[in-house]
Amino acid sequence: MPSDQETHTWPELAIGLYDKLTERDAAISYAFDQFELGIPSSTSGDPKLAVWRIHGTLKITTRNGKDA
């Protein structure tokens, strides 16, 4: 996704994040204790929220095709 375009959907956000991380052969780890995150149902002005609870470690790792 070109950087001059706004993100309007969750798939666009995921694709943009994956592209940026893959360019950098990134590995990111987060450790949470009693963490709650409100995930909006849309990008509208007043969306409903789904609450995600994370207790433990979330690890995001990417590789580009040449490393697989």
C-alpha atoms as a PDB file:
ATOM      1  CA  MET A   1       0.000   0.000   0.000  1.00  0.00           C
ATOM      2  CA  PRO A   2       1.520   3.351  -1.015  1.00  0.00           C
ATOM      3  CA  SER A   3       2.369   5.650   1.896  1.00  0.00           C
ATOM      4  CA  ASP A   4       0.336   8.504   0.394  1.00  0.00           C
ATOM      5  CA  GLN A   5      -2.944   6.615   0.923  1.00  0.00           C
ATOM      6  CA  GLU A   6      -4.905   6.499   4.173  1.00  0.00           C
ATOM      7  CA  THR A   7      -5.752   3.185   5.800  1.00  0.00           C
ATOM      8  CA  HIS A   8      -9.516   2.609   5.971  1.00  0.00           C
ATOM      9  CA  THR A   9      -9.855  -1.105   6.732  1.00  0.00           C
ATOM     10  CA  TRP A  10      -8.263  -3.706   9.008  1.00  0.00           C
ATOM     11  CA  PRO A  11      -6.936  -5.694   6.020  1.00  0.00           C
ATOM     12  CA  GLU A  12      -5.219  -2.554   4.676  1.00  0.00           C
ATOM     13  CA  LEU A  13      -3.665  -1.947   8.092  1.00  0.00           C
ATOM     14  CA  ALA A  14      -2.459  -5.565   8.336  1.00  0.00           C
ATOM     15  CA  ILE A  15      -1.005  -5.496   4.813  1.00  0.00           C
ATOM     16  CA  GLY A  16       0.808  -2.213   5.467  1.00  0.00           C
ATOM     17  CA  LEU A  17       2.219  -3.473   8.769  1.00  0.00           C
ATOM     18  CA  TYR A  18       3.352  -6.771   7.212  1.00  0.00           C
ATOM     19  CA  ASP A  19       5.017  -4.956   4.299  1.00  0.00           C
ATOM     20  CA  LYS A  20       6.930  -2.605   6.608  1.00  0.00           C
ATOM     21  CA  LEU A  21       8.060  -5.403   8.932  1.00  0.00           C
ATOM     22  CA  THR A  22       9.095  -7.696   6.088  1.00  0.00           C
ATOM     23  CA  GLU A  23      11.221  -4.954   4.518  1.00  0.00           C
ATOM     24  CA  ARG A  24      13.216  -4.883   7.739  1.00  0.00           C
ATOM     25  CA  ASP A  25      13.313  -8.662   8.516  1.00  0.00           C
ATOM     26  CA  ALA A  26      11.709  -7.652  11.809  1.00  0.00           C
ATOM     27  CA  ALA A  27      11.030  -9.557  14.997  1.00  0.00           C
ATOM     28  CA  ILE A  28       9.018  -7.803  17.703  1.00  0.00           C
ATOM     29  CA  SER A  29       8.105  -9.189  21.138  1.00  0.00           C
ATOM     30  CA  TYR A  30       5.677  -7.649  23.612  1.00  0.00           C
ATOM     31  CA  ALA A  31       5.018  -8.915  27.150  1.00  0.00           C
ATOM     32  CA  PHE A  32       1.685  -8.007  28.759  1.00  0.00           C
ATOM     33  CA  ASP A  33       0.188  -8.366  32.216  1.00  0.00           C
ATOM     34  CA  GLN A  34      -3.569  -7.713  32.473  1.00  0.00           C
ATOM     35  CA  PHE A  35      -3.584  -5.755  29.182  1.00  0.00           C
ATOM     36  CA  GLU A  36      -6.914  -4.877  27.546  1.00  0.00           C
ATOM     37  CA  LEU A  37      -7.330  -3.346  24.103  1.00  0.00           C
ATOM     38  CA  GLY A  38     -10.546  -2.018  22.554  1.00  0.00           C
ATOM     39  CA  ILE A  39     -10.685  -3.020  18.878  1.00  0.00           C
ATOM     40  CA  PRO A  40     -13.060  -0.828  16.846  1.00  0.00           C
ATOM     41  CA  SER A  41     -15.581  -2.509  14.555  1.00  0.00           C
ATOM     42  CA  SER A  42     -15.031   0.142  11.876  1.00  0.00           C
ATOM     43  CA  THR A  43     -13.191   3.348  11.095  1.00  0.00           C
ATOM     44  CA  SER A  44     -16.355   5.422  11.591  1.00  0.00           C
ATOM     45  CA  GLY A  45     -16.566   8.191  14.191  1.00  0.00           C
ATOM     46  CA  ASP A  46     -18.197   6.125  16.969  1.00  0.00           C
ATOM     47  CA  PRO A  47     -17.599   2.392  16.372  1.00  0.00           C
ATOM     48  CA  LYS A  48     -18.509  -0.433  18.755  1.00  0.00           C
ATOM     49  CA  LEU A  49     -15.499  -1.952  20.494  1.00  0.00           C
ATOM     50  CA  ALA A  50     -14.508  -5.582  20.993  1.00  0.00           C
ATOM     51  CA  VAL A  51     -12.300  -5.982  24.072  1.00  0.00           C
ATOM     52  CA  TRP A  52      -9.213  -8.158  23.617  1.00  0.00           C
ATOM     53  CA  ARG A  53      -7.413  -9.304  26.766  1.00  0.00           C
ATOM     54  CA  ILE A  54      -3.768 -10.325  26.565  1.00  0.00           C
ATOM     55  CA  HIS A  55      -1.979 -12.045  29.422  1.00  0.00           C
ATOM     56  CA  GLY A  56       1.481 -13.201  28.401  1.00  0.00           C
ATOM     57  CA  THR A  57       3.673 -12.657  25.370  1.00  0.00           C
ATOM     58  CA  LEU A  58       2.703 -11.629  21.861  1.00  0.00           C
ATOM     59  CA  LYS A  59       5.492 -12.216  19.344  1.00  0.00           C
ATOM     60  CA  ILE A  60       5.368 -10.932  15.768  1.00  0.00           C
ATOM     61  CA  THR A  61       8.033 -12.221  13.389  1.00  0.00           C
ATOM     62  CA  THR A  62       8.283 -11.753   9.629  1.00  0.00           C
ATOM     63  CA  ARG A  63      10.507 -13.055   6.883  1.00  0.00           C
ATOM     64  CA  ASN A  64      10.608 -12.170   3.250  1.00  0.00           C
ATOM     65  CA  GLY A  65      10.339 -14.861   0.557  1.00  0.00           C
ATOM     66  CA  LYS A  66      14.077 -15.229  -0.016  1.00  0.00           C
ATOM     67  CA  ASP A  67      14.596 -16.286   3.649  1.00  0.00           C
ATOM     68  CA  ALA A  68      11.831 -18.899   3.752  1.00  0.00           C
END
